[in-house]
Amino acid sequence: MAAKGQAPGDGGSARADGVGALLDELDSGIVRALQEDGRRPYRQIARALGVSEGTVRGRARRLMASGALRVIAVADPFQLGYRVLAFVLLRVTPGEQARVIETLGSWDEVTYVSACAGRIDVYIQVVCRDADHLWDLLSARIPGIGGVLETETFMELKMHKMSYVYPAVRAGGDLPV
């Protein structure tokens, strides 16, 4: 379904106020299909959505160029030989958050970095070969950054769900319930 004032398939899903982008029904359908299988052919997606392959290709390219969609392979870290997954909460010296985030973001074993509000300043996820590798990160490398006041670590014992499929936001900004 096209947004108000747009023809079907013209690809305009940016909000008028310029804050973020909302997906129309067609964009949402393309995203859903690629979340289920990032290698699904555009021809197959087009058939399922009742539009041309060119429309799907153009919309997918636009979504990727805007940063709204990335199609990547997600590997199981345990199958790759990592034995320790953990997340670490860090409290940092005021004014040091950007530098700490930049440093942590450059490390291979840090798979996710997020700035936070609340009692912690930075959240990271790490993958480590073993407990000794995690120990090295926590006892030497992270303190070596400087500006880290406190850490709290949670080891993941067993991964029960790993999903990067998000519910689609409906046109108009409504979230599904």
C-alpha atoms as a PDB file:
ATOM      1  CA  MET A   1       0.000   0.000   0.000  1.00  0.00           C
ATOM      2  CA  ALA A   2       1.449   3.377  -0.981  1.00  0.00           C
ATOM      3  CA  ALA A   3       1.832   6.160   1.520  1.00  0.00           C
ATOM      4  CA  LYS A   4      -0.599   9.065   1.227  1.00  0.00           C
ATOM      5  CA  GLY A   5       0.135  11.012  -1.936  1.00  0.00           C
ATOM      6  CA  GLN A   6       2.335   8.315  -3.503  1.00  0.00           C
ATOM      7  CA  ALA A   7       1.795   5.871  -6.298  1.00  0.00           C
ATOM      8  CA  PRO A   8       2.275   2.185  -5.506  1.00  0.00           C
ATOM      9  CA  GLY A   9       5.906   1.181  -5.968  1.00  0.00           C
ATOM     10  CA  ASP A  10       7.371   4.696  -6.084  1.00  0.00           C
ATOM     11  CA  GLY A  11       9.519   3.932  -3.040  1.00  0.00           C
ATOM     12  CA  GLY A  12       8.918   7.002  -0.920  1.00  0.00           C
ATOM     13  CA  SER A  13       8.735   5.873   2.700  1.00  0.00           C
ATOM     14  CA  ALA A  14      10.627   8.650   4.498  1.00  0.00           C
ATOM     15  CA  ARG A  15       8.678  10.579   7.105  1.00  0.00           C
ATOM     16  CA  ALA A  16       7.793  14.150   6.208  1.00  0.00           C
ATOM     17  CA  ASP A  17       9.508  15.497   9.348  1.00  0.00           C
ATOM     18  CA  GLY A  18      12.793  13.842   8.328  1.00  0.00           C
ATOM     19  CA  VAL A  19      13.052  11.865  11.573  1.00  0.00           C
ATOM     20  CA  GLY A  20      13.789   8.249  10.705  1.00  0.00           C
ATOM     21  CA  ALA A  21      11.978   6.285   8.065  1.00  0.00           C
ATOM     22  CA  LEU A  22       8.726   4.402   8.248  1.00  0.00           C
ATOM     23  CA  LEU A  23       8.097   1.454   6.035  1.00  0.00           C
ATOM     24  CA  ASP A  24       4.983   1.182   3.942  1.00  0.00           C
ATOM     25  CA  GLU A  25       3.344  -2.214   3.499  1.00  0.00           C
ATOM     26  CA  LEU A  26       5.450  -3.123   0.468  1.00  0.00           C
ATOM     27  CA  ASP A  27       8.747  -2.195   2.170  1.00  0.00           C
ATOM     28  CA  SER A  28       7.639  -4.171   5.233  1.00  0.00           C
ATOM     29  CA  GLY A  29       6.869  -7.204   3.087  1.00  0.00           C
ATOM     30  CA  ILE A  30      10.291  -7.035   1.441  1.00  0.00           C
ATOM     31  CA  VAL A  31      12.023  -6.698   4.819  1.00  0.00           C
ATOM     32  CA  ARG A  32      10.034  -9.615   6.271  1.00  0.00           C
ATOM     33  CA  ALA A  33      10.925 -11.829   3.306  1.00  0.00           C
ATOM     34  CA  LEU A  34      14.635 -10.985   3.544  1.00  0.00           C
ATOM     35  CA  GLN A  35      14.647 -11.454   7.326  1.00  0.00           C
ATOM     36  CA  GLU A  36      13.293 -14.966   6.837  1.00  0.00           C
ATOM     37  CA  ASP A  37      15.848 -15.725   4.090  1.00  0.00           C
ATOM     38  CA  GLY A  38      18.376 -13.094   3.065  1.00  0.00           C
ATOM     39  CA  ARG A  39      19.186 -15.067  -0.082  1.00  0.00           C
ATOM     40  CA  ARG A  40      15.588 -15.274  -1.309  1.00  0.00           C
ATOM     41  CA  PRO A  41      15.469 -14.170  -4.965  1.00  0.00           C
ATOM     42  CA  TYR A  42      13.782 -10.832  -5.675  1.00  0.00           C
ATOM     43  CA  ARG A  43      11.667 -12.603  -8.291  1.00  0.00           C
ATOM     44  CA  GLN A  44      10.184 -14.881  -5.618  1.00  0.00           C
ATOM     45  CA  ILE A  45       9.554 -11.940  -3.250  1.00  0.00           C
ATOM     46  CA  ALA A  46       7.917  -9.980  -6.081  1.00  0.00           C
ATOM     47  CA  ARG A  47       5.559 -12.856  -6.899  1.00  0.00           C
ATOM     48  CA  ALA A  48       4.543 -13.217  -3.263  1.00  0.00           C
ATOM     49  CA  LEU A  49       3.888  -9.468  -2.939  1.00  0.00           C
ATOM     50  CA  GLY A  50       2.215  -9.032  -6.319  1.00  0.00           C
ATOM     51  CA  VAL A  51       4.666  -6.498  -7.743  1.00  0.00           C
ATOM     52  CA  SER A  52       7.436  -6.556 -10.333  1.00  0.00           C
ATOM     53  CA  GLU A  53      10.917  -7.865  -9.646  1.00  0.00           C
ATOM     54  CA  GLY A  54      12.291  -4.426 -10.548  1.00  0.00           C
ATOM     55  CA  THR A  55      10.136  -2.795  -7.876  1.00  0.00           C
ATOM     56  CA  VAL A  56      11.434  -5.213  -5.236  1.00  0.00           C
ATOM     57  CA  ARG A  57      15.036  -4.742  -6.391  1.00  0.00           C
ATOM     58  CA  GLY A  58      14.716  -0.943  -6.308  1.00  0.00           C
ATOM     59  CA  ARG A  59      13.011  -0.905  -2.933  1.00  0.00           C
ATOM     60  CA  ALA A  60      15.566  -3.326  -1.447  1.00  0.00           C
ATOM     61  CA  ARG A  61      18.460  -1.221  -2.770  1.00  0.00           C
ATOM     62  CA  ARG A  62      16.915   1.940  -1.322  1.00  0.00           C
ATOM     63  CA  LEU A  63      16.357   0.266   2.054  1.00  0.00           C
ATOM     64  CA  MET A  64      19.980  -0.914   2.092  1.00  0.00           C
ATOM     65  CA  ALA A  65      21.374   2.453   0.956  1.00  0.00           C
ATOM     66  CA  SER A  66      19.427   4.239   3.698  1.00  0.00           C
ATOM     67  CA  GLY A  67      20.734   1.865   6.351  1.00  0.00           C
ATOM     68  CA  ALA A  68      17.237   0.574   7.179  1.00  0.00           C
ATOM     69  CA  LEU A  69      18.182  -2.927   5.986  1.00  0.00           C
ATOM     70  CA  ARG A  70      21.378  -4.958   5.964  1.00  0.00           C
ATOM     71  CA  VAL A  71      21.420  -8.477   4.610  1.00  0.00           C
ATOM     72  CA  ILE A  72      24.177 -10.432   6.354  1.00  0.00           C
ATOM     73  CA  ALA A  73      25.015 -13.958   7.413  1.00  0.00           C
ATOM     74  CA  VAL A  74      24.583 -14.588  11.146  1.00  0.00           C
ATOM     75  CA  ALA A  75      26.823 -17.376  12.397  1.00  0.00           C
ATOM     76  CA  ASP A  76      26.401 -19.410  15.565  1.00  0.00           C
ATOM     77  CA  PRO A  77      29.451 -18.470  17.669  1.00  0.00           C
ATOM     78  CA  PHE A  78      29.516 -21.892  19.357  1.00  0.00           C
ATOM     79  CA  GLN A  79      29.718 -23.600  15.966  1.00  0.00           C
ATOM     80  CA  LEU A  80      32.681 -21.317  15.141  1.00  0.00           C
ATOM     81  CA  GLY A  81      34.608 -22.519  18.176  1.00  0.00           C
ATOM     82  CA  TYR A  82      33.851 -19.793  20.710  1.00  0.00           C
ATOM     83  CA  ARG A  83      33.100 -21.300  24.114  1.00  0.00           C
ATOM     84  CA  VAL A  84      32.267 -18.159  26.090  1.00  0.00           C
ATOM     85  CA  LEU A  85      29.626 -15.567  25.298  1.00  0.00           C
ATOM     86  CA  ALA A  86      29.128 -12.748  27.756  1.00  0.00           C
ATOM     87  CA  PHE A  87      27.772  -9.289  28.067  1.00  0.00           C
ATOM     88  CA  VAL A  88      29.541  -6.639  30.068  1.00  0.00           C
ATOM     89  CA  LEU A  89      28.040  -3.523  31.600  1.00  0.00           C
ATOM     90  CA  LEU A  90      30.506  -0.663  32.022  1.00  0.00           C
ATOM     91  CA  ARG A  91      30.354   2.507  34.059  1.00  0.00           C
ATOM     92  CA  VAL A  92      32.758   5.092  32.663  1.00  0.00           C
ATOM     93  CA  THR A  93      34.219   8.410  33.732  1.00  0.00           C
ATOM     94  CA  PRO A  94      32.034  11.322  32.558  1.00  0.00           C
ATOM     95  CA  GLY A  95      33.335  12.616  29.251  1.00  0.00           C
ATOM     96  CA  GLU A  96      35.112   9.345  28.392  1.00  0.00           C
ATOM     97  CA  GLN A  97      32.164   7.415  26.968  1.00  0.00           C
ATOM     98  CA  ALA A  98      32.858   8.170  23.272  1.00  0.00           C
ATOM     99  CA  ARG A  99      36.537   7.212  23.551  1.00  0.00           C
ATOM    100  CA  VAL A 100      35.757   3.993  25.446  1.00  0.00           C
ATOM    101  CA  ILE A 101      33.069   3.065  22.898  1.00  0.00           C
ATOM    102  CA  GLU A 102      35.398   3.735  19.977  1.00  0.00           C
ATOM    103  CA  THR A 103      38.134   1.572  21.504  1.00  0.00           C
ATOM    104  CA  LEU A 104      35.827  -1.317  22.388  1.00  0.00           C
ATOM    105  CA  GLY A 105      34.201  -1.160  18.958  1.00  0.00           C
ATOM    106  CA  SER A 106      37.564  -1.813  17.310  1.00  0.00           C
ATOM    107  CA  TRP A 107      38.122  -5.131  19.130  1.00  0.00           C
ATOM    108  CA  ASP A 108      37.258  -8.310  17.209  1.00  0.00           C
ATOM    109  CA  GLU A 109      35.782 -10.097  20.219  1.00  0.00           C
ATOM    110  CA  VAL A 110      33.320  -7.266  20.907  1.00  0.00           C
ATOM    111  CA  THR A 111      30.292  -8.034  18.736  1.00  0.00           C
ATOM    112  CA  TYR A 112      27.924  -5.332  19.969  1.00  0.00           C
ATOM    113  CA  VAL A 113      28.417  -1.942  21.621  1.00  0.00           C
ATOM    114  CA  SER A 114      25.669   0.339  22.863  1.00  0.00           C
ATOM    115  CA  ALA A 115      25.649   3.618  24.795  1.00  0.00           C
ATOM    116  CA  CYS A 116      23.104   3.509  27.610  1.00  0.00           C
ATOM    117  CA  ALA A 117      21.232   5.777  29.981  1.00  0.00           C
ATOM    118  CA  GLY A 118      20.782   4.741  33.598  1.00  0.00           C
ATOM    119  CA  ARG A 119      23.156   3.162  36.066  1.00  0.00           C
ATOM    120  CA  ILE A 120      25.507   1.963  33.325  1.00  0.00           C
ATOM    121  CA  ASP A 121      27.022   3.896  30.443  1.00  0.00           C
ATOM    122  CA  VAL A 122      28.060   1.196  27.967  1.00  0.00           C
ATOM    123  CA  TYR A 123      26.800  -2.295  27.165  1.00  0.00           C
ATOM    124  CA  ILE A 124      28.939  -4.726  25.174  1.00  0.00           C
ATOM    125  CA  GLN A 125      28.566  -8.313  24.008  1.00  0.00           C
ATOM    126  CA  VAL A 126      31.719 -10.376  23.658  1.00  0.00           C
ATOM    127  CA  VAL A 127      32.683 -13.753  22.233  1.00  0.00           C
ATOM    128  CA  CYS A 128      35.749 -15.452  23.671  1.00  0.00           C
ATOM    129  CA  ARG A 129      37.650 -18.647  22.872  1.00  0.00           C
ATOM    130  CA  ASP A 130      37.506 -19.728  26.525  1.00  0.00           C
ATOM    131  CA  ALA A 131      37.379 -18.462  30.117  1.00  0.00           C
ATOM    132  CA  ASP A 132      41.053 -17.395  29.999  1.00  0.00           C
ATOM    133  CA  HIS A 133      40.299 -15.176  27.008  1.00  0.00           C
ATOM    134  CA  LEU A 134      37.384 -13.563  28.906  1.00  0.00           C
ATOM    135  CA  TRP A 135      39.626 -13.145  31.963  1.00  0.00           C
ATOM    136  CA  ASP A 136      42.207 -11.307  29.845  1.00  0.00           C
ATOM    137  CA  LEU A 137      39.534  -8.937  28.522  1.00  0.00           C
ATOM    138  CA  LEU A 138      38.135  -8.210  31.982  1.00  0.00           C
ATOM    139  CA  SER A 139      41.358  -8.025  33.974  1.00  0.00           C
ATOM    140  CA  ALA A 140      43.787  -6.415  31.522  1.00  0.00           C
ATOM    141  CA  ARG A 141      42.412  -5.105  28.247  1.00  0.00           C
ATOM    142  CA  ILE A 142      39.284  -3.280  29.462  1.00  0.00           C
ATOM    143  CA  PRO A 143      41.059  -1.669  32.447  1.00  0.00           C
ATOM    144  CA  GLY A 144      43.875  -0.748  30.061  1.00  0.00           C
ATOM    145  CA  ILE A 145      41.522   1.512  28.104  1.00  0.00           C
ATOM    146  CA  GLY A 146      41.348   3.964  31.001  1.00  0.00           C
ATOM    147  CA  GLY A 147      38.176   5.743  32.036  1.00  0.00           C
ATOM    148  CA  VAL A 148      36.344   2.533  32.986  1.00  0.00           C
ATOM    149  CA  LEU A 149      35.198   2.855  36.591  1.00  0.00           C
ATOM    150  CA  GLU A 150      33.326  -0.424  37.006  1.00  0.00           C
ATOM    151  CA  THR A 151      32.247  -3.498  35.071  1.00  0.00           C
ATOM    152  CA  GLU A 152      29.625  -6.154  35.659  1.00  0.00           C
ATOM    153  CA  THR A 153      29.771  -9.314  33.556  1.00  0.00           C
ATOM    154  CA  PHE A 154      27.114 -11.871  32.750  1.00  0.00           C
ATOM    155  CA  MET A 155      28.138 -15.118  31.053  1.00  0.00           C
ATOM    156  CA  GLU A 156      25.645 -16.754  28.756  1.00  0.00           C
ATOM    157  CA  LEU A 157      25.368 -20.418  29.700  1.00  0.00           C
ATOM    158  CA  LYS A 158      23.103 -21.507  26.866  1.00  0.00           C
ATOM    159  CA  MET A 159      21.642 -19.593  23.958  1.00  0.00           C
ATOM    160  CA  HIS A 160      17.946 -20.360  23.649  1.00  0.00           C
ATOM    161  CA  LYS A 161      17.000 -17.890  20.928  1.00  0.00           C
ATOM    162  CA  MET A 162      18.973 -15.766  18.522  1.00  0.00           C
ATOM    163  CA  SER A 163      16.795 -13.734  16.211  1.00  0.00           C
ATOM    164  CA  TYR A 164      17.242 -10.534  14.314  1.00  0.00           C
ATOM    165  CA  VAL A 165      13.716 -10.536  12.917  1.00  0.00           C
ATOM    166  CA  TYR A 166      11.894  -7.440  14.126  1.00  0.00           C
ATOM    167  CA  PRO A 167       8.151  -6.881  13.924  1.00  0.00           C
ATOM    168  CA  ALA A 168       7.369  -4.434  11.120  1.00  0.00           C
ATOM    169  CA  VAL A 169       6.339  -0.895  11.990  1.00  0.00           C
ATOM    170  CA  ARG A 170       3.122  -0.110  10.187  1.00  0.00           C
ATOM    171  CA  ALA A 171       2.703   2.978   8.030  1.00  0.00           C
ATOM    172  CA  GLY A 172       1.733   5.836  10.320  1.00  0.00           C
ATOM    173  CA  GLY A 173       4.269   4.763  12.960  1.00  0.00           C
ATOM    174  CA  ASP A 174       2.080   2.222  14.753  1.00  0.00           C
ATOM    175  CA  LEU A 175       3.910  -0.648  16.360  1.00  0.00           C
ATOM    176  CA  PRO A 176       2.335  -4.100  16.291  1.00  0.00           C
ATOM    177  CA  VAL A 177       0.857  -5.304  19.564  1.00  0.00           C
END
